[in-house]
Amino acid sequence: MSDNAYSFIVCLPGEKPVRHDLGADAISFGRSPDNDIQILVAEVSKKHGQLVKDNDSYRVIDFGSTNGS
């Protein structure tokens, strides 16, 4: 079990869920390998969005993706 209070869990059809423990102030996610969390799905943009620490929580920032976050 992790000591981190927050996790981002990626669930893709036919695959086991992958848990990403959050600790940084900003975490990028998307299809491109230069993201902190890479999600290899056609519907996910190369630079899809960001998780931003906001006091005691995280908020999702969508970078204008076609399919939304």
C-alpha atoms as a PDB file:
ATOM      1  CA  MET A   1       0.000   0.000   0.000  1.00  0.00           C
ATOM      2  CA  SER A   2       1.235   3.492  -0.826  1.00  0.00           C
ATOM      3  CA  ASP A   3       1.665   6.381   1.586  1.00  0.00           C
ATOM      4  CA  ASN A   4       0.353   8.789  -1.066  1.00  0.00           C
ATOM      5  CA  ALA A   5      -3.120  10.089  -0.388  1.00  0.00           C
ATOM      6  CA  TYR A   6      -4.029  10.356  -4.085  1.00  0.00           C
ATOM      7  CA  SER A   7      -3.863   7.996  -7.047  1.00  0.00           C
ATOM      8  CA  PHE A   8      -4.857   8.153 -10.702  1.00  0.00           C
ATOM      9  CA  ILE A   9      -6.082   4.775 -11.939  1.00  0.00           C
ATOM     10  CA  VAL A  10      -6.135   4.053 -15.661  1.00  0.00           C
ATOM     11  CA  CYS A  11      -8.656   1.345 -16.627  1.00  0.00           C
ATOM     12  CA  LEU A  12      -8.556   0.162 -20.242  1.00  0.00           C
ATOM     13  CA  PRO A  13     -10.790  -2.550 -21.741  1.00  0.00           C
ATOM     14  CA  GLY A  14      -9.152  -5.974 -21.616  1.00  0.00           C
ATOM     15  CA  GLU A  15      -6.283  -4.813 -19.373  1.00  0.00           C
ATOM     16  CA  LYS A  16      -5.679  -4.730 -15.640  1.00  0.00           C
ATOM     17  CA  PRO A  17      -6.102  -1.292 -14.039  1.00  0.00           C
ATOM     18  CA  VAL A  18      -2.834   0.612 -13.567  1.00  0.00           C
ATOM     19  CA  ARG A  19      -2.454   2.765 -10.466  1.00  0.00           C
ATOM     20  CA  HIS A  20      -0.312   5.908 -10.573  1.00  0.00           C
ATOM     21  CA  ASP A  21       0.410   7.423  -7.157  1.00  0.00           C
ATOM     22  CA  LEU A  22       0.304  11.218  -7.251  1.00  0.00           C
ATOM     23  CA  GLY A  23       2.749  13.397  -5.391  1.00  0.00           C
ATOM     24  CA  ALA A  24       3.895  16.148  -7.757  1.00  0.00           C
ATOM     25  CA  ASP A  25       2.137  19.500  -8.029  1.00  0.00           C
ATOM     26  CA  ALA A  26       1.339  18.871 -11.723  1.00  0.00           C
ATOM     27  CA  ILE A  27       1.127  15.578 -13.636  1.00  0.00           C
ATOM     28  CA  SER A  28       0.604  15.516 -17.399  1.00  0.00           C
ATOM     29  CA  PHE A  29      -1.250  12.691 -19.120  1.00  0.00           C
ATOM     30  CA  GLY A  30      -1.815  11.707 -22.711  1.00  0.00           C
ATOM     31  CA  ARG A  31      -0.655   9.440 -25.534  1.00  0.00           C
ATOM     32  CA  SER A  32       2.818  10.975 -26.005  1.00  0.00           C
ATOM     33  CA  PRO A  33       5.733   9.320 -24.156  1.00  0.00           C
ATOM     34  CA  ASP A  34       6.849  12.681 -22.753  1.00  0.00           C
ATOM     35  CA  ASN A  35       3.791  12.790 -20.437  1.00  0.00           C
ATOM     36  CA  ASP A  36       4.134  11.779 -16.798  1.00  0.00           C
ATOM     37  CA  ILE A  37       1.346   9.231 -17.382  1.00  0.00           C
ATOM     38  CA  GLN A  38       1.177   7.754 -20.879  1.00  0.00           C
ATOM     39  CA  ILE A  39      -2.193   6.356 -22.003  1.00  0.00           C
ATOM     40  CA  LEU A  40      -1.913   4.451 -25.274  1.00  0.00           C
ATOM     41  CA  VAL A  41      -5.454   4.749 -26.612  1.00  0.00           C
ATOM     42  CA  ALA A  42      -6.438   6.347 -29.943  1.00  0.00           C
ATOM     43  CA  GLU A  43      -9.151   8.481 -28.281  1.00  0.00           C
ATOM     44  CA  VAL A  44      -6.580  10.076 -25.949  1.00  0.00           C
ATOM     45  CA  SER A  45      -4.752  13.150 -27.290  1.00  0.00           C
ATOM     46  CA  LYS A  46      -0.955  13.331 -27.359  1.00  0.00           C
ATOM     47  CA  LYS A  47      -1.137  16.055 -24.697  1.00  0.00           C
ATOM     48  CA  HIS A  48      -4.571  15.314 -23.251  1.00  0.00           C
ATOM     49  CA  GLY A  49      -4.524  17.072 -19.905  1.00  0.00           C
ATOM     50  CA  GLN A  50      -2.998  17.643 -16.526  1.00  0.00           C
ATOM     51  CA  LEU A  51      -3.721  16.846 -12.901  1.00  0.00           C
ATOM     52  CA  VAL A  52      -2.936  19.909 -10.776  1.00  0.00           C
ATOM     53  CA  LYS A  53      -2.606  19.875  -7.009  1.00  0.00           C
ATOM     54  CA  ASP A  54      -5.076  22.313  -5.468  1.00  0.00           C
ATOM     55  CA  ASN A  55      -4.691  22.525  -1.672  1.00  0.00           C
ATOM     56  CA  ASP A  56      -5.788  19.098  -0.397  1.00  0.00           C
ATOM     57  CA  SER A  57      -6.981  17.703  -3.737  1.00  0.00           C
ATOM     58  CA  TYR A  58      -6.199  17.482  -7.446  1.00  0.00           C
ATOM     59  CA  ARG A  59      -8.191  18.990 -10.291  1.00  0.00           C
ATOM     60  CA  VAL A  60      -8.252  17.897 -13.914  1.00  0.00           C
ATOM     61  CA  ILE A  61      -7.287  20.393 -16.601  1.00  0.00           C
ATOM     62  CA  ASP A  62      -8.340  19.359 -20.114  1.00  0.00           C
ATOM     63  CA  PHE A  63      -6.069  20.735 -22.849  1.00  0.00           C
ATOM     64  CA  GLY A  64      -8.956  21.044 -25.313  1.00  0.00           C
ATOM     65  CA  SER A  65      -9.028  17.392 -26.320  1.00  0.00           C
ATOM     66  CA  THR A  66     -11.643  16.346 -28.871  1.00  0.00           C
ATOM     67  CA  ASN A  67     -13.048  13.597 -26.633  1.00  0.00           C
ATOM     68  CA  GLY A  68     -12.794  15.472 -23.316  1.00  0.00           C
ATOM     69  CA  SER A  69     -11.438  14.331 -19.977  1.00  0.00           C
END
